[in-house]
């Protein structure tokens, strides 16, 4: 393979991966929980596109720290909500008809500032920021109760209008979001993101770093009983795809590999086999597994048989603090309090999946064949990839217990092996479609398979959750045939820039024409895991295309990106609630893993011909250029 391709991609991936975001020195906001004095670290977002915090010139007067020991959060709320006179001024504003006080607080988390309905209404009455997330990612300068009382005083002042009062309150009480690197702690981490980032880190030999990051996840499970959606207070009531156990297995496998190559100076030294990690944390690992088995399970009837599978389902209602304005505006279109609460909850649940947002979660009304965000019904849908993950996690947890107890026949080992097999069998009966040869997401309310293409449909092959007595090779060949002839539409394998997330174009980021590294990588590994030359060759074909599109984009824009546009080689993705992100941990990790696997076969793409082909598609060229311009100058 030409050295330029290896050199460029490996160096940029390793550089980005090495700079794993660090923790803030101090949490930005305490999490007040009635049963614990512990706090959840409030960290800051690495968002190269926003620049939103710079919209407000931050003044930094000397803090006047009052003794707040005698003031409760409840009292501050009472003071702010007893008299809504200050909200009268909102009636003449552009959003006055949207932000109306309710009879109570729709708290979706325990943050004293960032999860408070009144605070969010006051801040988002005017356009101080480009998006709702910019405010909730700012760092508090003072104790939360000091900040709340300052807003109360500002809103009751007769010397300023509401806009001026809130603007000054923002200037005085918040610092710009920062990036800090400290130890192994990191900001806006995500379980799903981290798995593919870990692939790159382990290939780079940074095993001590990986262990440190895993210990952060352990700390979160100890505190919350599961791994939250990210390291911010407003994520504390929703989880994320359960990649924790796969990350641990990948880490242990890489440790074993590194210890068999002790002559290499590339690898950081860790305990041989690192069984002490399992022995120390096996109870915590199981605790996270139990969360999914108990809190995200669904029992339903299928062909007269009782089944249990899993879905994404938070226990929260109300607008998301990081998307407060958009959520409020969307839910205004829904009639009835119960319907509004259900939509809020389904939006939260879609975020838990990581696919926020996608037609995958839409259940369109009559006359609408695709649906929109208002049709989000995440809780109704049992996702193939989630269920395959939980099936796999149960099997791997059984293996972990066999290692820790040194008894592969112990009752706890058998318990989790049985759970894994039962999930796989249920998936085969409920999700597998004999006619097409593909697994599909299942609507447990309507009792139907949702026969749409997503790369995630292949995860049972990757994770070996096909059901007992299944012939993987035979099923794999049928699945490959399905991919090549998907219901008479364009084959998802035919696009020059990768495999799309779906074949439906909605404007949402987890739909056509976007391609995401985790989905493309998992499809490649799924096809390669099938023991047949044709599936392995197709895996290589997809990998080659994906490496080339990352390479061309990097050579064009001097950056890696979180998502790409499959309609052209090297085109940048777009759509969704925020601009495309540079970086990007999972893109770099997936590329490194594929270079390790296929590097001896890959060839450098012809950049001249790729450039010419790019401009033959005006739409792809336009969106890619505009996206890059926004990243550089907006």
Foldseek 3Di string as FASTA:
>chain_A
DDPVLVVQQLVQLVVLLVCFFAADPQALFAFDDPPDPDGFRAAADPFLQFCFLVLAQADEDDDDADPCPVPDLVNLVCLQPVDPVLLVVLCPAPCSVQQDDDPDFQFLFRTSQLRGSVNLCLVVSDPSGPALQQVQRWGFPYHSVVLSVQLSVLSPDPPDRSVVSNSVSCNHTTDGHDTDHDQLHRFFDALVLVQLLLLSCLVQQVLVSLVRVLVVQLVCCVVQLAAFGTRRRLRNQFAAQPCSLVSVVVSLVSLQVCVVCVVDPRHDDDDRSPLVVCLVRLVSLVSNLVCQVPVFWDWADDPNDIAIFGFQWTPGFAARSRHNVVLSVLLVVDDDPVLRRQLRRLQSSCVRHVPFDDLLQFDDDPPDPRHDSSRGRRSQKGFLLSLLSSLLSLQSSLVSVCVNVVNNPDPSSVVSPVVSQRSLARQQRQFADPVQLWGAIARRVVSDGDLWDFLSRLSCLLSVSNHPPDDSQVSLVSVVVCQVCVPPDHRLLPFQQAGARTDDDDLAQSGPQKDFLVSRLSSLSSLCSRPDVVSPVSSVSRLLSNSQLQSLLCVVQVFGWGIAGRNARVFRGAGHDDATGTRGSSSSSSNVVSCVVCVVPHDHDDNVVSVVRCVVDVVSVVVRVVSSCSSVPD
